[in-house]
Amino acid sequence: MDMNQCKRGGDLLISSHGTVFKYIGKDTSNICREMYPHEIMNNKTKARCTRTDDGFVFKFKRHPDDEDIIDFLRKSNSSK
């Protein structure tokens, strides 16, 4: 998964646990955001969190129960 392919403000992301997230956008404004530059939002709870460029929760020491992003669905652009 390459999170850099996601479009700001709308692509839907699927986690390894089946949770649906919305891609908010990329932000590298501080040191933490350099490691975890992609902000996403849980569609159900509206909680925001970040991911690495490859969709992982953690850059190092990854765990099998992390909700890593495994796929995305392009938001349709029907308002042309």
Protein backbone atom coordinates (compact mmCIF):
# COMPACT_ATOMS: atom_id res chain seq x y z
CA MET A 1 0.00 0.00 0.00
CA ASP A 2 1.35 3.42 -0.94
CA MET A 3 -0.53 6.13 0.96
CA ASN A 4 0.95 8.75 -1.38
CA GLN A 5 -1.55 7.56 -4.03
CA CYS A 6 -4.51 8.64 -1.89
CA LYS A 7 -6.42 11.81 -2.70
CA ARG A 8 -6.83 14.43 0.03
CA GLY A 9 -10.24 14.66 1.64
CA GLY A 10 -12.12 11.61 0.62
CA ASP A 11 -10.55 8.32 -0.49
CA LEU A 12 -11.80 5.44 1.64
CA LEU A 13 -9.18 3.21 3.24
CA ILE A 14 -9.60 -0.39 4.37
CA SER A 15 -7.63 -1.62 7.38
CA SER A 16 -6.35 -5.13 7.98
CA HIS A 17 -9.27 -5.57 10.43
CA GLY A 18 -11.88 -4.40 7.93
CA THR A 19 -12.37 -0.94 9.46
CA VAL A 20 -13.16 1.83 6.98
CA PHE A 21 -11.17 5.05 7.29
CA LYS A 22 -11.30 8.29 5.29
CA TYR A 23 -8.07 9.83 4.02
CA ILE A 24 -7.77 13.38 5.38
CA GLY A 25 -4.45 14.37 3.85
CA LYS A 26 -0.70 14.58 4.18
CA ASP A 27 0.99 16.91 6.67
CA THR A 28 4.74 17.16 7.26
CA SER A 29 4.62 20.31 9.41
CA ASN A 30 6.45 18.82 12.40
CA ILE A 31 9.00 16.12 13.21
CA CYS A 32 6.42 13.48 14.16
CA ARG A 33 4.58 14.04 10.88
CA GLU A 34 7.76 13.24 8.95
CA MET A 35 7.48 9.62 10.18
CA TYR A 36 3.66 9.49 10.13
CA PRO A 37 2.62 12.06 7.53
CA HIS A 38 -0.80 10.71 6.55
CA GLU A 39 -3.83 11.69 8.61
CA ILE A 40 -6.88 9.44 8.45
CA MET A 41 -10.25 9.34 10.20
CA ASN A 42 -12.28 6.36 11.36
CA ASN A 43 -15.59 6.61 9.47
CA LYS A 44 -17.60 5.22 12.39
CA THR A 45 -16.03 6.90 15.45
CA LYS A 46 -14.65 10.02 13.68
CA ALA A 47 -11.38 9.52 15.60
CA ARG A 48 -8.32 10.83 13.76
CA CYS A 49 -4.92 9.11 13.64
CA THR A 50 -1.84 8.94 11.44
CA ARG A 51 -0.08 6.34 9.29
CA THR A 52 3.29 5.90 7.58
CA ASP A 53 3.75 6.19 3.79
CA ASP A 54 3.18 2.44 3.51
CA GLY A 55 -0.02 2.48 5.61
CA PHE A 56 1.42 1.10 8.84
CA VAL A 57 0.51 2.21 12.37
CA PHE A 58 4.16 2.11 13.50
CA LYS A 59 7.32 2.57 11.46
CA PHE A 60 9.22 0.09 13.68
CA LYS A 61 8.21 -2.76 16.02
CA ARG A 62 5.04 -3.56 14.15
CA HIS A 63 2.44 -5.81 15.77
CA PRO A 64 0.11 -8.31 14.07
CA ASP A 65 -2.96 -6.75 15.72
CA ASP A 66 -2.26 -3.22 14.39
CA GLU A 67 -4.90 -1.79 12.05
CA ASP A 68 -2.60 -1.21 9.12
CA ILE A 69 -4.09 0.12 5.88
CA ILE A 70 -4.14 -2.57 3.21
CA ASP A 71 -6.21 -1.04 0.40
CA PHE A 72 -8.06 2.08 -0.68
CA LEU A 73 -11.12 2.90 -2.75
CA ARG A 74 -10.90 5.98 -4.94
CA LYS A 75 -13.66 8.46 -4.15
CA SER A 76 -15.75 8.93 -7.28
CA ASN A 77 -15.50 12.32 -8.91
CA SER A 78 -19.13 12.70 -9.99
CA SER A 79 -19.24 16.50 -9.66
CA LYS A 80 -17.48 17.39 -12.94
